[in-house]
Amino acid sequence: MKETLTDLKERRSCRKYLDRQVEEEALQLILEAGTYAPTGRNRQSPVIVAVQDPDTIKKLSLLNGNPAGMTGDPFYGAPTVLIVLADSTVSTHVHDGALVMGNLMNAAHAVGVDSCYIFRAKEMFETEEGKNYLRAWGIPEHYVGIGNCILGYRAEGGVREASPRKEGYIIRVR
């Protein structure tokens, strides 16, 4: 229990990665943890697409950065991108997918892999190019992007210290 609480408090987002692929055993543990996230009525509406092909990651990076007008790599050079999509016909799909994202990042930290939640997955897969990826991956068009979990091993300066927690974060009613 104490280890889990420590992992939850110490996990930080990484925004600079080494050019080293995530070890297969670690990736499998992270992916499995993602599948155990709670979902509304246990519908398990999300799917996780694990991408390690550098060319595909580069194309997805452009697809992610374009709506925001970014010129740099929004995936920060991470060698693995886990895309969480969820079935939009399920009323809890956004929450289900967000819980999967949390499990992925916390599991990554627990096995020594760094991560970061990259938004704009919804916008990525609303484009024609994004819909082409869904078709190629065998995912129905009614699935929507929830988030991109980038994974890798931190390069120097890739992770900052935790910010102090804000005043009033917790309100107790007794």
Protein backbone atom coordinates (compact mmCIF):
# COMPACT_ATOMS: atom_id res chain seq x y z
CA MET A 1 0.00 0.00 0.00
CA LYS A 2 2.74 2.43 0.97
CA GLU A 3 4.56 1.77 -2.32
CA THR A 4 1.43 2.58 -4.33
CA LEU A 5 0.89 5.85 -2.47
CA THR A 6 4.55 6.79 -2.98
CA ASP A 7 4.28 6.08 -6.72
CA LEU A 8 1.14 8.22 -6.97
CA LYS A 9 2.87 11.15 -5.26
CA GLU A 10 6.21 10.86 -7.07
CA ARG A 11 5.04 10.37 -10.68
CA ARG A 12 5.83 13.43 -12.79
CA SER A 13 5.30 14.24 -16.45
CA CYS A 14 8.38 13.86 -18.64
CA ARG A 15 8.95 16.20 -21.56
CA LYS A 16 12.35 15.07 -22.82
CA TYR A 17 13.23 11.47 -23.67
CA LEU A 18 16.25 9.35 -24.46
CA ASP A 19 16.39 7.65 -27.85
CA ARG A 20 15.79 4.25 -26.23
CA GLN A 21 12.71 2.11 -26.73
CA VAL A 22 10.62 0.98 -23.76
CA GLU A 23 11.50 -2.57 -22.77
CA GLU A 24 8.86 -5.08 -23.88
CA GLU A 25 8.25 -6.55 -20.42
CA ALA A 26 7.64 -3.08 -18.96
CA LEU A 27 5.34 -2.15 -21.85
CA GLN A 28 3.25 -5.29 -21.35
CA LEU A 29 2.84 -4.52 -17.63
CA ILE A 30 1.81 -0.92 -18.40
CA LEU A 31 -0.70 -2.00 -21.04
CA GLU A 32 -2.18 -4.64 -18.75
CA ALA A 33 -2.61 -2.07 -15.97
CA GLY A 34 -4.48 0.16 -18.42
CA THR A 35 -6.99 -2.61 -19.08
CA TYR A 36 -7.79 -2.82 -15.36
CA ALA A 37 -8.94 0.80 -15.04
CA PRO A 38 -12.47 1.11 -13.70
CA THR A 39 -15.13 1.79 -16.33
CA GLY A 40 -18.81 2.69 -16.07
CA ARG A 41 -20.87 -0.47 -15.53
CA ASN A 42 -17.72 -2.45 -16.45
CA ARG A 43 -18.40 -1.77 -20.13
CA GLN A 44 -14.67 -1.43 -20.84
CA SER A 45 -15.38 1.10 -23.59
CA PRO A 46 -11.74 2.18 -24.22
CA VAL A 47 -9.13 0.62 -26.49
CA ILE A 48 -5.40 1.26 -26.33
CA VAL A 49 -3.33 1.52 -29.50
CA ALA A 50 0.39 1.04 -28.80
CA VAL A 51 2.59 2.73 -31.42
CA GLN A 52 6.35 2.23 -31.54
CA ASP A 53 7.02 2.71 -35.25
CA PRO A 54 9.04 5.97 -35.53
CA ASP A 55 7.47 6.98 -38.88
CA THR A 56 3.93 6.54 -37.55
CA ILE A 57 4.80 8.43 -34.37
CA LYS A 58 6.17 11.30 -36.46
CA LYS A 59 2.95 11.47 -38.51
CA LEU A 60 0.80 11.28 -35.37
CA SER A 61 2.91 14.03 -33.79
CA LEU A 62 2.14 16.32 -36.73
CA LEU A 63 -1.52 15.38 -36.56
CA ASN A 64 -1.54 16.24 -32.85
CA GLY A 65 0.37 19.52 -33.16
CA ASN A 66 -1.44 20.96 -36.18
CA PRO A 67 -4.73 21.88 -34.45
CA ALA A 68 -2.75 23.77 -31.82
CA GLY A 69 -0.48 25.49 -34.35
CA MET A 70 2.59 23.82 -32.82
CA THR A 71 5.86 23.67 -34.70
CA GLY A 72 7.74 21.40 -32.28
CA ASP A 73 7.14 17.77 -31.39
CA PRO A 74 4.18 17.54 -28.98
CA PHE A 75 5.34 14.00 -28.15
CA TYR A 76 8.74 15.32 -26.95
CA GLY A 77 10.69 12.59 -28.75
CA ALA A 78 9.08 9.74 -26.81
CA PRO A 79 9.70 6.38 -28.51
CA THR A 80 6.28 4.92 -27.58
CA VAL A 81 2.82 6.48 -27.85
CA LEU A 82 -0.22 4.81 -26.32
CA ILE A 83 -3.41 6.21 -27.78
CA VAL A 84 -6.55 5.77 -25.72
CA LEU A 85 -9.80 5.87 -27.67
CA ALA A 86 -13.26 5.09 -26.35
CA ASP A 87 -16.67 4.14 -27.68
CA SER A 88 -18.66 7.38 -27.90
CA THR A 89 -21.95 5.45 -27.71
CA VAL A 90 -21.17 4.66 -24.05
CA SER A 91 -22.21 7.55 -21.79
CA THR A 92 -19.10 7.21 -19.57
CA HIS A 93 -16.58 6.94 -22.42
CA VAL A 94 -14.60 10.11 -21.59
CA HIS A 95 -14.31 9.19 -17.92
CA ASP A 96 -13.49 5.58 -18.77
CA GLY A 97 -10.68 6.68 -21.07
CA ALA A 98 -9.31 9.20 -18.58
CA LEU A 99 -9.11 6.47 -15.94
CA VAL A 100 -7.21 4.25 -18.39
CA MET A 101 -4.78 7.15 -18.98
CA GLY A 102 -4.20 7.47 -15.23
CA ASN A 103 -3.54 3.76 -14.85
CA LEU A 104 -1.09 3.82 -17.77
CA MET A 105 0.93 6.71 -16.33
CA ASN A 106 0.97 5.36 -12.78
CA ALA A 107 1.91 1.86 -13.94
CA ALA A 108 4.70 3.32 -16.08
CA HIS A 109 6.15 5.09 -13.08
CA ALA A 110 5.90 1.91 -10.99
CA VAL A 111 8.05 0.00 -13.53
CA GLY A 112 10.60 2.78 -14.07
CA VAL A 113 9.25 4.24 -17.31
CA ASP A 114 8.49 7.94 -17.70
CA SER A 115 5.28 9.28 -19.22
CA CYS A 116 3.20 12.33 -20.04
CA TYR A 117 -0.49 12.86 -20.88
CA ILE A 118 -0.74 14.59 -24.25
CA PHE A 119 -4.13 16.07 -25.06
CA ARG A 120 -5.77 16.74 -28.46
CA ALA A 121 -6.41 13.04 -29.21
CA LYS A 122 -10.06 13.93 -29.84
CA GLU A 123 -9.07 16.50 -32.45
CA MET A 124 -6.56 14.11 -34.05
CA PHE A 125 -9.15 11.46 -34.79
CA GLU A 126 -11.82 13.87 -35.99
CA THR A 127 -9.67 14.65 -39.04
CA GLU A 128 -9.84 12.61 -42.23
CA GLU A 129 -6.27 11.44 -41.66
CA GLY A 130 -7.16 10.39 -38.13
CA LYS A 131 -10.22 8.50 -39.36
CA ASN A 132 -7.95 6.72 -41.86
CA TYR A 133 -5.82 5.52 -38.93
CA LEU A 134 -8.92 4.23 -37.13
CA ARG A 135 -9.96 2.29 -40.23
CA ALA A 136 -6.46 0.88 -40.71
CA TRP A 137 -6.38 -0.23 -37.06
CA GLY A 138 -9.84 -1.81 -37.29
CA ILE A 139 -11.44 0.66 -34.88
CA PRO A 140 -15.01 1.79 -35.59
CA GLU A 141 -15.49 5.49 -36.42
CA HIS A 142 -17.70 6.07 -33.39
CA TYR A 143 -14.61 5.73 -31.20
CA VAL A 144 -13.14 9.07 -30.14
CA GLY A 145 -9.67 10.06 -28.99
CA ILE A 146 -9.33 10.53 -25.24
CA GLY A 147 -5.59 10.99 -24.77
CA ASN A 148 -2.08 10.10 -25.83
CA CYS A 149 0.20 8.61 -23.20
CA ILE A 150 3.79 9.04 -24.30
CA LEU A 151 6.34 6.66 -22.78
CA GLY A 152 10.10 6.41 -22.60
CA TYR A 153 13.10 7.00 -20.39
CA ARG A 154 13.84 10.53 -19.27
CA ALA A 155 16.68 12.56 -20.67
CA GLU A 156 18.41 15.11 -18.47
CA GLY A 157 16.04 17.95 -17.69
CA GLY A 158 12.98 15.97 -18.80
CA VAL A 159 11.24 15.93 -15.43
CA ARG A 160 10.63 18.82 -13.03
CA GLU A 161 10.10 18.67 -9.29
CA ALA A 162 6.52 18.60 -8.07
CA SER A 163 4.87 21.97 -7.55
CA PRO A 164 3.58 22.69 -4.07
CA ARG A 165 -0.05 21.65 -3.66
CA LYS A 166 -2.45 24.59 -3.77
CA GLU A 167 -4.24 25.96 -0.73
CA GLY A 168 -7.81 24.75 -0.42
CA TYR A 169 -7.26 21.64 -2.56
CA ILE A 170 -9.16 19.56 -0.02
CA ILE A 171 -12.45 20.64 1.52
CA ARG A 172 -13.69 18.46 4.36
CA VAL A 173 -17.33 18.27 5.32
CA ARG A 174 -18.11 16.42 8.55
